[in-house]
Amino acid sequence: MDFALVDHASEQYLGQWKRLVSTTNWEKGRIVHQWRLALAAADAPTADYSDDAWSRRVGNVTPQHVGRLRRVFERFAAQRDDYPGLYWSHFQAALDWDDAELWLEGAVQNEWSISEMRHKRWETRGALAAEDPDDDDAAIEAPLDEDADAAEPAGDVSSGTLDVVEEPDRLGNQEDDDEAGTKSRYESRQAFDAAVVRPFAALPPLPPDVNDAFEAYKLCILRHKMAGWQEISRDDLLASLDGLVQLALAPADL
């Protein structure tokens, strides 16, 4: 038997399977949300449409995961398309943040993984030991498809790299994420890149001091953009960038 031929013939179907798994968390969250609305409209007791109640009815899924699916859907489903290419788990990681939109936008613009997004926020907020994201890794390292067959796990994708920013649904370490859907994200990335300009893609490596300042300025721009340019107008911010350009072009002896 030509195993290479078998593998090649199976590749497209494996890709379809992985893309399906990568979108199920949003769909499951929608189902739980609508089920709860239906029972509430029927005046059922609150306990009858709790996360634990759904877990018991469905089986093979924990109440905690039911709660994650439901809460992510309820908070972010309407905004999901505003952040093209992010994993579902980006949204899960940002679920309890009061500035979630800022960091989700940052993840889109900078192609941050889950881990990178969490650490960037932690560093910007002062890198307090009590808020170290490494301390709560277990809280977001949920399997991609928790109620999948345990004999064939879908893979843990909690740190989900954005080397290719794609399909919604991502948590786990880099190795697991690659296993969970590199091909499908690459295919989606091609379509995404065709529609979205990546302004920093051609930048060369920057010295540490320049890179730190550059990252800080990008976050500053994102913050004011998400705030609707209330503290500073976009034109004034662009004028500050023009000033930096003039400074760099000015003779060194001035």
C-alpha atoms as a PDB file:
ATOM      1  CA  MET A   1       0.000   0.000   0.000  1.00  0.00           C
ATOM      2  CA  ASP A   2       1.264   3.473  -0.879  1.00  0.00           C
ATOM      3  CA  PHE A   3       0.946   5.237   2.478  1.00  0.00           C
ATOM      4  CA  ALA A   4       2.055   8.571   0.997  1.00  0.00           C
ATOM      5  CA  LEU A   5      -0.819   8.357  -1.482  1.00  0.00           C
ATOM      6  CA  VAL A   6      -3.262   7.538   1.320  1.00  0.00           C
ATOM      7  CA  ASP A   7      -2.002  10.460   3.376  1.00  0.00           C
ATOM      8  CA  HIS A   8      -2.325  12.808   0.411  1.00  0.00           C
ATOM      9  CA  ALA A   9      -5.858  11.625  -0.352  1.00  0.00           C
ATOM     10  CA  SER A  10      -6.837  12.107   3.300  1.00  0.00           C
ATOM     11  CA  GLU A  11      -5.355  15.563   3.659  1.00  0.00           C
ATOM     12  CA  GLN A  12      -8.309  17.597   2.419  1.00  0.00           C
ATOM     13  CA  TYR A  13     -10.736  15.658   4.607  1.00  0.00           C
ATOM     14  CA  LEU A  14      -8.567  16.105   7.672  1.00  0.00           C
ATOM     15  CA  GLY A  15      -8.520  19.821   6.914  1.00  0.00           C
ATOM     16  CA  GLN A  16     -12.309  19.877   6.693  1.00  0.00           C
ATOM     17  CA  TRP A  17     -12.566  18.030  10.009  1.00  0.00           C
ATOM     18  CA  LYS A  18     -10.213  20.404  11.779  1.00  0.00           C
ATOM     19  CA  ARG A  19     -11.985  23.467  10.419  1.00  0.00           C
ATOM     20  CA  LEU A  20     -15.268  22.048  11.687  1.00  0.00           C
ATOM     21  CA  VAL A  21     -13.850  21.435  15.157  1.00  0.00           C
ATOM     22  CA  SER A  22     -12.351  24.937  15.188  1.00  0.00           C
ATOM     23  CA  THR A  23     -15.751  26.554  14.730  1.00  0.00           C
ATOM     24  CA  THR A  24     -17.832  24.350  17.026  1.00  0.00           C
ATOM     25  CA  ASN A  25     -17.207  26.288  20.231  1.00  0.00           C
ATOM     26  CA  TRP A  26     -18.982  29.358  18.828  1.00  0.00           C
ATOM     27  CA  GLU A  27     -21.868  27.201  17.629  1.00  0.00           C
ATOM     28  CA  LYS A  28     -22.121  25.339  20.939  1.00  0.00           C
ATOM     29  CA  GLY A  29     -22.162  28.625  22.803  1.00  0.00           C
ATOM     30  CA  ARG A  30     -25.006  29.803  20.588  1.00  0.00           C
ATOM     31  CA  ILE A  31     -26.983  26.620  21.264  1.00  0.00           C
ATOM     32  CA  VAL A  32     -26.581  26.909  25.037  1.00  0.00           C
ATOM     33  CA  HIS A  33     -27.528  30.589  24.918  1.00  0.00           C
ATOM     34  CA  GLN A  34     -30.688  29.956  22.908  1.00  0.00           C
ATOM     35  CA  TRP A  35     -31.652  26.996  25.098  1.00  0.00           C
ATOM     36  CA  ARG A  36     -31.427  29.190  28.160  1.00  0.00           C
ATOM     37  CA  LEU A  37     -33.553  31.891  26.527  1.00  0.00           C
ATOM     38  CA  ALA A  38     -36.195  29.334  25.570  1.00  0.00           C
ATOM     39  CA  LEU A  39     -36.472  27.920  29.085  1.00  0.00           C
ATOM     40  CA  ALA A  40     -36.472  31.376  30.649  1.00  0.00           C
ATOM     41  CA  ALA A  41     -39.285  32.412  28.305  1.00  0.00           C
ATOM     42  CA  ALA A  42     -41.206  29.323  29.427  1.00  0.00           C
ATOM     43  CA  ASP A  43     -40.817  30.431  33.074  1.00  0.00           C
ATOM     44  CA  ALA A  44     -38.740  27.383  33.948  1.00  0.00           C
ATOM     45  CA  PRO A  45     -36.872  27.513  37.282  1.00  0.00           C
ATOM     46  CA  THR A  46     -33.409  29.033  36.942  1.00  0.00           C
ATOM     47  CA  ALA A  47     -31.782  25.809  38.078  1.00  0.00           C
ATOM     48  CA  ASP A  48     -33.294  24.037  35.071  1.00  0.00           C
ATOM     49  CA  TYR A  49     -31.221  26.081  32.620  1.00  0.00           C
ATOM     50  CA  SER A  50     -27.974  26.416  34.518  1.00  0.00           C
ATOM     51  CA  ASP A  51     -24.618  25.396  33.058  1.00  0.00           C
ATOM     52  CA  ASP A  52     -24.697  22.345  35.303  1.00  0.00           C
ATOM     53  CA  ALA A  53     -28.143  21.400  33.978  1.00  0.00           C
ATOM     54  CA  TRP A  54     -26.916  21.486  30.388  1.00  0.00           C
ATOM     55  CA  SER A  55     -23.836  19.478  31.347  1.00  0.00           C
ATOM     56  CA  ARG A  56     -26.047  16.748  32.847  1.00  0.00           C
ATOM     57  CA  ARG A  57     -28.347  16.675  29.833  1.00  0.00           C
ATOM     58  CA  VAL A  58     -25.605  16.508  27.229  1.00  0.00           C
ATOM     59  CA  GLY A  59     -23.046  14.437  29.095  1.00  0.00           C
ATOM     60  CA  ASN A  60     -19.306  14.271  28.468  1.00  0.00           C
ATOM     61  CA  VAL A  61     -18.836  18.019  28.987  1.00  0.00           C
ATOM     62  CA  THR A  62     -18.149  19.810  32.258  1.00  0.00           C
ATOM     63  CA  PRO A  63     -20.301  22.637  33.633  1.00  0.00           C
ATOM     64  CA  GLN A  64     -17.178  24.812  33.575  1.00  0.00           C
ATOM     65  CA  HIS A  65     -16.750  24.344  29.834  1.00  0.00           C
ATOM     66  CA  VAL A  66     -20.456  24.932  29.249  1.00  0.00           C
ATOM     67  CA  GLY A  67     -20.044  28.217  31.108  1.00  0.00           C
ATOM     68  CA  ARG A  68     -17.049  29.194  28.999  1.00  0.00           C
ATOM     69  CA  LEU A  69     -18.884  28.443  25.766  1.00  0.00           C
ATOM     70  CA  ARG A  70     -21.950  30.388  26.850  1.00  0.00           C
ATOM     71  CA  ARG A  71     -20.167  33.412  28.284  1.00  0.00           C
ATOM     72  CA  VAL A  72     -17.812  33.856  25.327  1.00  0.00           C
ATOM     73  CA  PHE A  73     -20.767  33.706  22.948  1.00  0.00           C
ATOM     74  CA  GLU A  74     -22.854  36.121  24.998  1.00  0.00           C
ATOM     75  CA  ARG A  75     -20.131  38.717  25.271  1.00  0.00           C
ATOM     76  CA  PHE A  76     -18.370  38.510  21.928  1.00  0.00           C
ATOM     77  CA  ALA A  77     -20.568  36.849  19.295  1.00  0.00           C
ATOM     78  CA  ALA A  78     -21.856  40.179  17.994  1.00  0.00           C
ATOM     79  CA  GLN A  79     -18.285  41.551  17.742  1.00  0.00           C
ATOM     80  CA  ARG A  80     -16.574  38.421  16.495  1.00  0.00           C
ATOM     81  CA  ASP A  81     -16.336  39.563  12.877  1.00  0.00           C
ATOM     82  CA  ASP A  82     -14.631  42.793  13.966  1.00  0.00           C
ATOM     83  CA  TYR A  83     -11.521  40.743  14.830  1.00  0.00           C
ATOM     84  CA  PRO A  84     -10.801  38.642  11.736  1.00  0.00           C
ATOM     85  CA  GLY A  85      -8.588  35.637  12.216  1.00  0.00           C
ATOM     86  CA  LEU A  86      -8.597  35.367  16.004  1.00  0.00           C
ATOM     87  CA  TYR A  87      -9.105  32.063  17.733  1.00  0.00           C
ATOM     88  CA  TRP A  88     -12.139  31.465  19.917  1.00  0.00           C
ATOM     89  CA  SER A  89      -9.666  31.164  22.754  1.00  0.00           C
ATOM     90  CA  HIS A  90      -8.414  34.721  22.259  1.00  0.00           C
ATOM     91  CA  PHE A  91     -11.924  35.752  23.238  1.00  0.00           C
ATOM     92  CA  GLN A  92     -11.999  33.313  26.141  1.00  0.00           C
ATOM     93  CA  ALA A  93      -8.714  34.704  27.476  1.00  0.00           C
ATOM     94  CA  ALA A  94     -10.133  38.253  27.301  1.00  0.00           C
ATOM     95  CA  LEU A  95     -13.545  37.314  28.688  1.00  0.00           C
ATOM     96  CA  ASP A  96     -13.194  39.069  32.052  1.00  0.00           C
ATOM     97  CA  TRP A  97     -11.121  42.042  30.875  1.00  0.00           C
ATOM     98  CA  ASP A  98     -12.761  45.460  30.954  1.00  0.00           C
ATOM     99  CA  ASP A  99     -10.451  46.499  28.101  1.00  0.00           C
ATOM    100  CA  ALA A 100     -10.896  43.314  26.048  1.00  0.00           C
ATOM    101  CA  GLU A 101     -11.573  45.127  22.786  1.00  0.00           C
ATOM    102  CA  LEU A 102      -8.254  46.966  22.939  1.00  0.00           C
ATOM    103  CA  TRP A 103      -6.259  43.763  23.278  1.00  0.00           C
ATOM    104  CA  LEU A 104      -8.261  41.787  20.760  1.00  0.00           C
ATOM    105  CA  GLU A 105      -7.598  44.565  18.260  1.00  0.00           C
ATOM    106  CA  GLY A 106      -3.943  44.427  19.238  1.00  0.00           C
ATOM    107  CA  ALA A 107      -3.905  40.686  18.599  1.00  0.00           C
ATOM    108  CA  VAL A 108      -5.333  41.218  15.112  1.00  0.00           C
ATOM    109  CA  GLN A 109      -2.922  44.015  14.201  1.00  0.00           C
ATOM    110  CA  ASN A 110       0.184  42.376  15.670  1.00  0.00           C
ATOM    111  CA  GLU A 111      -0.682  38.724  15.074  1.00  0.00           C
ATOM    112  CA  TRP A 112      -0.315  37.908  18.763  1.00  0.00           C
ATOM    113  CA  SER A 113      -0.793  34.400  20.056  1.00  0.00           C
ATOM    114  CA  ILE A 114      -3.018  33.875  23.105  1.00  0.00           C
ATOM    115  CA  SER A 115       0.026  33.880  25.358  1.00  0.00           C
ATOM    116  CA  GLU A 116       1.520  36.962  23.719  1.00  0.00           C
ATOM    117  CA  MET A 117      -1.722  38.896  24.052  1.00  0.00           C
ATOM    118  CA  ARG A 118      -2.024  38.044  27.741  1.00  0.00           C
ATOM    119  CA  HIS A 119       1.605  38.888  28.485  1.00  0.00           C
ATOM    120  CA  LYS A 120       1.492  42.178  26.545  1.00  0.00           C
ATOM    121  CA  ARG A 121      -1.480  43.250  28.629  1.00  0.00           C
ATOM    122  CA  TRP A 122       0.206  42.130  31.840  1.00  0.00           C
ATOM    123  CA  GLU A 123       3.387  44.068  31.022  1.00  0.00           C
ATOM    124  CA  THR A 124       1.461  47.196  30.041  1.00  0.00           C
ATOM    125  CA  ARG A 125      -0.478  47.082  33.314  1.00  0.00           C
ATOM    126  CA  GLY A 126       2.732  47.045  35.352  1.00  0.00           C
ATOM    127  CA  ALA A 127       3.678  43.354  35.398  1.00  0.00           C
ATOM    128  CA  LEU A 128       2.256  42.841  38.873  1.00  0.00           C
ATOM    129  CA  ALA A 129       3.225  39.487  40.334  1.00  0.00           C
ATOM    130  CA  ALA A 130      -0.325  38.854  41.498  1.00  0.00           C
ATOM    131  CA  GLU A 131      -1.566  39.189  37.906  1.00  0.00           C
ATOM    132  CA  ASP A 132       1.126  37.080  36.234  1.00  0.00           C
ATOM    133  CA  PRO A 133      -0.709  35.295  33.385  1.00  0.00           C
ATOM    134  CA  ASP A 134       1.475  32.241  33.922  1.00  0.00           C
ATOM    135  CA  ASP A 135      -0.298  31.754  37.249  1.00  0.00           C
ATOM    136  CA  ASP A 136      -3.668  31.111  35.624  1.00  0.00           C
ATOM    137  CA  ASP A 137      -2.649  29.150  32.540  1.00  0.00           C
ATOM    138  CA  ALA A 138      -4.808  26.242  33.670  1.00  0.00           C
ATOM    139  CA  ALA A 139      -7.876  28.468  33.613  1.00  0.00           C
ATOM    140  CA  ILE A 140      -7.655  29.006  29.845  1.00  0.00           C
ATOM    141  CA  GLU A 141      -5.920  25.834  28.701  1.00  0.00           C
ATOM    142  CA  ALA A 142      -9.176  24.109  27.886  1.00  0.00           C
ATOM    143  CA  PRO A 143      -9.245  21.557  25.094  1.00  0.00           C
ATOM    144  CA  LEU A 144     -10.377  22.872  21.748  1.00  0.00           C
ATOM    145  CA  ASP A 145     -13.327  20.486  21.742  1.00  0.00           C
ATOM    146  CA  GLU A 146     -13.763  19.310  25.334  1.00  0.00           C
ATOM    147  CA  ASP A 147     -16.605  16.926  24.615  1.00  0.00           C
ATOM    148  CA  ALA A 148     -14.791  15.239  21.727  1.00  0.00           C
ATOM    149  CA  ASP A 149     -13.947  11.554  21.973  1.00  0.00           C
ATOM    150  CA  ALA A 150     -11.267  11.241  24.645  1.00  0.00           C
ATOM    151  CA  ALA A 151      -9.553   8.537  22.589  1.00  0.00           C
ATOM    152  CA  GLU A 152      -8.951  11.046  19.802  1.00  0.00           C
ATOM    153  CA  PRO A 153      -8.379  14.479  21.435  1.00  0.00           C
ATOM    154  CA  ALA A 154      -8.706  17.470  19.198  1.00  0.00           C
ATOM    155  CA  GLY A 155      -5.621  19.024  20.753  1.00  0.00           C
ATOM    156  CA  ASP A 156      -4.919  21.710  23.322  1.00  0.00           C
ATOM    157  CA  VAL A 157      -4.384  25.038  21.651  1.00  0.00           C
ATOM    158  CA  SER A 158      -4.171  27.546  24.509  1.00  0.00           C
ATOM    159  CA  SER A 159      -1.195  29.585  23.380  1.00  0.00           C
ATOM    160  CA  GLY A 160      -2.358  29.293  19.754  1.00  0.00           C
ATOM    161  CA  THR A 161       0.215  30.932  17.559  1.00  0.00           C
ATOM    162  CA  LEU A 162      -0.840  33.596  15.139  1.00  0.00           C
ATOM    163  CA  ASP A 163       2.007  32.920  12.762  1.00  0.00           C
ATOM    164  CA  VAL A 164      -1.035  32.352  10.612  1.00  0.00           C
ATOM    165  CA  VAL A 165      -3.965  34.334  11.981  1.00  0.00           C
ATOM    166  CA  GLU A 166      -7.052  32.404  11.096  1.00  0.00           C
ATOM    167  CA  GLU A 167      -9.966  30.238  12.110  1.00  0.00           C
ATOM    168  CA  PRO A 168     -11.895  31.168  15.285  1.00  0.00           C
ATOM    169  CA  ASP A 169     -11.039  28.821  18.172  1.00  0.00           C
ATOM    170  CA  ARG A 170      -7.563  28.705  19.593  1.00  0.00           C
ATOM    171  CA  LEU A 171      -5.987  27.715  22.963  1.00  0.00           C
ATOM    172  CA  GLY A 172      -2.955  25.584  23.860  1.00  0.00           C
ATOM    173  CA  ASN A 173       0.786  25.460  23.394  1.00  0.00           C
ATOM    174  CA  GLN A 174       2.459  26.104  20.066  1.00  0.00           C
ATOM    175  CA  GLU A 175       3.072  22.464  19.287  1.00  0.00           C
ATOM    176  CA  ASP A 176      -0.527  21.455  19.929  1.00  0.00           C
ATOM    177  CA  ASP A 177      -1.842  24.417  17.982  1.00  0.00           C
ATOM    178  CA  ASP A 178       0.200  23.471  14.947  1.00  0.00           C
ATOM    179  CA  GLU A 179      -1.207  19.965  15.178  1.00  0.00           C
ATOM    180  CA  ALA A 180      -4.757  21.299  15.508  1.00  0.00           C
ATOM    181  CA  GLY A 181      -4.953  23.149  12.225  1.00  0.00           C
ATOM    182  CA  THR A 182      -1.922  24.699  10.560  1.00  0.00           C
ATOM    183  CA  LYS A 183      -3.128  23.871   7.064  1.00  0.00           C
ATOM    184  CA  SER A 184      -6.630  25.252   7.547  1.00  0.00           C
ATOM    185  CA  ARG A 185      -5.298  28.486   9.049  1.00  0.00           C
ATOM    186  CA  TYR A 186      -2.815  28.874   6.186  1.00  0.00           C
ATOM    187  CA  GLU A 187      -5.586  28.554   3.612  1.00  0.00           C
ATOM    188  CA  SER A 188      -7.725  31.078   5.471  1.00  0.00           C
ATOM    189  CA  ARG A 189      -4.742  33.371   5.907  1.00  0.00           C
ATOM    190  CA  GLN A 190      -4.316  33.635   2.157  1.00  0.00           C
ATOM    191  CA  ALA A 191      -7.845  34.995   1.823  1.00  0.00           C
ATOM    192  CA  PHE A 192      -7.351  37.276   4.826  1.00  0.00           C
ATOM    193  CA  ASP A 193      -4.096  38.721   3.512  1.00  0.00           C
ATOM    194  CA  ALA A 194      -5.758  39.485   0.204  1.00  0.00           C
ATOM    195  CA  ALA A 195      -8.227  41.788   1.953  1.00  0.00           C
ATOM    196  CA  VAL A 196      -6.163  43.286   4.778  1.00  0.00           C
ATOM    197  CA  VAL A 197      -2.969  45.317   4.516  1.00  0.00           C
ATOM    198  CA  ARG A 198      -0.294  44.219   6.990  1.00  0.00           C
ATOM    199  CA  PRO A 199       1.624  47.445   7.642  1.00  0.00           C
ATOM    200  CA  PHE A 200       4.456  45.876   9.637  1.00  0.00           C
ATOM    201  CA  ALA A 201       5.079  42.755   7.550  1.00  0.00           C
ATOM    202  CA  ALA A 202       8.096  44.215   5.715  1.00  0.00           C
ATOM    203  CA  LEU A 203       9.804  45.740   8.756  1.00  0.00           C
ATOM    204  CA  PRO A 204      13.354  44.524   9.436  1.00  0.00           C
ATOM    205  CA  PRO A 205      14.402  43.384  12.926  1.00  0.00           C
ATOM    206  CA  LEU A 206      14.604  46.378  15.262  1.00  0.00           C
ATOM    207  CA  PRO A 207      17.110  47.060  18.065  1.00  0.00           C
ATOM    208  CA  PRO A 208      15.616  46.418  21.531  1.00  0.00           C
ATOM    209  CA  ASP A 209      15.170  50.089  22.456  1.00  0.00           C
ATOM    210  CA  VAL A 210      13.530  50.913  19.125  1.00  0.00           C
ATOM    211  CA  ASN A 211      11.347  47.813  19.275  1.00  0.00           C
ATOM    212  CA  ASP A 212      10.162  48.642  22.811  1.00  0.00           C
ATOM    213  CA  ALA A 213       9.252  52.181  21.805  1.00  0.00           C
ATOM    214  CA  PHE A 214       7.614  50.942  18.619  1.00  0.00           C
ATOM    215  CA  GLU A 215       5.444  48.405  20.474  1.00  0.00           C
ATOM    216  CA  ALA A 216       4.459  51.021  23.057  1.00  0.00           C
ATOM    217  CA  TYR A 217       3.436  53.475  20.332  1.00  0.00           C
ATOM    218  CA  LYS A 218       1.393  50.826  18.537  1.00  0.00           C
ATOM    219  CA  LEU A 219      -0.507  50.075  21.741  1.00  0.00           C
ATOM    220  CA  CYS A 220      -1.013  53.800  22.289  1.00  0.00           C
ATOM    221  CA  ILE A 221      -2.473  54.161  18.792  1.00  0.00           C
ATOM    222  CA  LEU A 222      -4.778  51.187  19.341  1.00  0.00           C
ATOM    223  CA  ARG A 223      -5.980  52.559  22.678  1.00  0.00           C
ATOM    224  CA  HIS A 224      -6.937  55.941  21.228  1.00  0.00           C
ATOM    225  CA  LYS A 225      -8.430  54.329  18.137  1.00  0.00           C
ATOM    226  CA  MET A 226     -10.653  52.067  20.258  1.00  0.00           C
ATOM    227  CA  ALA A 227     -11.631  55.066  22.393  1.00  0.00           C
ATOM    228  CA  GLY A 228     -12.862  56.881  19.306  1.00  0.00           C
ATOM    229  CA  TRP A 229     -10.080  59.495  19.298  1.00  0.00           C
ATOM    230  CA  GLN A 230     -11.589  61.279  22.296  1.00  0.00           C
ATOM    231  CA  GLU A 231      -8.329  62.364  23.974  1.00  0.00           C
ATOM    232  CA  ILE A 232      -6.448  63.128  20.778  1.00  0.00           C
ATOM    233  CA  SER A 233      -7.588  63.415  17.177  1.00  0.00           C
ATOM    234  CA  ARG A 234      -6.255  61.047  14.597  1.00  0.00           C
ATOM    235  CA  ASP A 235      -4.760  63.974  12.666  1.00  0.00           C
ATOM    236  CA  ASP A 236      -2.885  65.185  15.748  1.00  0.00           C
ATOM    237  CA  LEU A 237      -1.534  61.710  16.383  1.00  0.00           C
ATOM    238  CA  LEU A 238      -0.412  61.469  12.755  1.00  0.00           C
ATOM    239  CA  ALA A 239       1.215  64.875  13.139  1.00  0.00           C
ATOM    240  CA  SER A 240       3.264  63.496  16.033  1.00  0.00           C
ATOM    241  CA  LEU A 241       4.435  60.681  13.763  1.00  0.00           C
ATOM    242  CA  ASP A 242       5.357  63.220  11.085  1.00  0.00           C
ATOM    243  CA  GLY A 243       7.403  65.036  13.710  1.00  0.00           C
ATOM    244  CA  LEU A 244       9.344  61.855  14.412  1.00  0.00           C
ATOM    245  CA  VAL A 245       9.973  61.430  10.696  1.00  0.00           C
ATOM    246  CA  GLN A 246      11.359  64.969  10.485  1.00  0.00           C
ATOM    247  CA  LEU A 247      13.554  64.329  13.517  1.00  0.00           C
ATOM    248  CA  ALA A 248      15.006  61.206  11.932  1.00  0.00           C
ATOM    249  CA  LEU A 249      15.664  63.031   8.641  1.00  0.00           C
ATOM    250  CA  ALA A 250      17.256  66.099  10.226  1.00  0.00           C
ATOM    251  CA  PRO A 251      21.079  66.352  10.159  1.00  0.00           C
ATOM    252  CA  ALA A 252      22.714  64.714  13.154  1.00  0.00           C
ATOM    253  CA  ASP A 253      24.576  67.891  14.158  1.00  0.00           C
ATOM    254  CA  LEU A 254      21.411  69.941  14.675  1.00  0.00           C
END
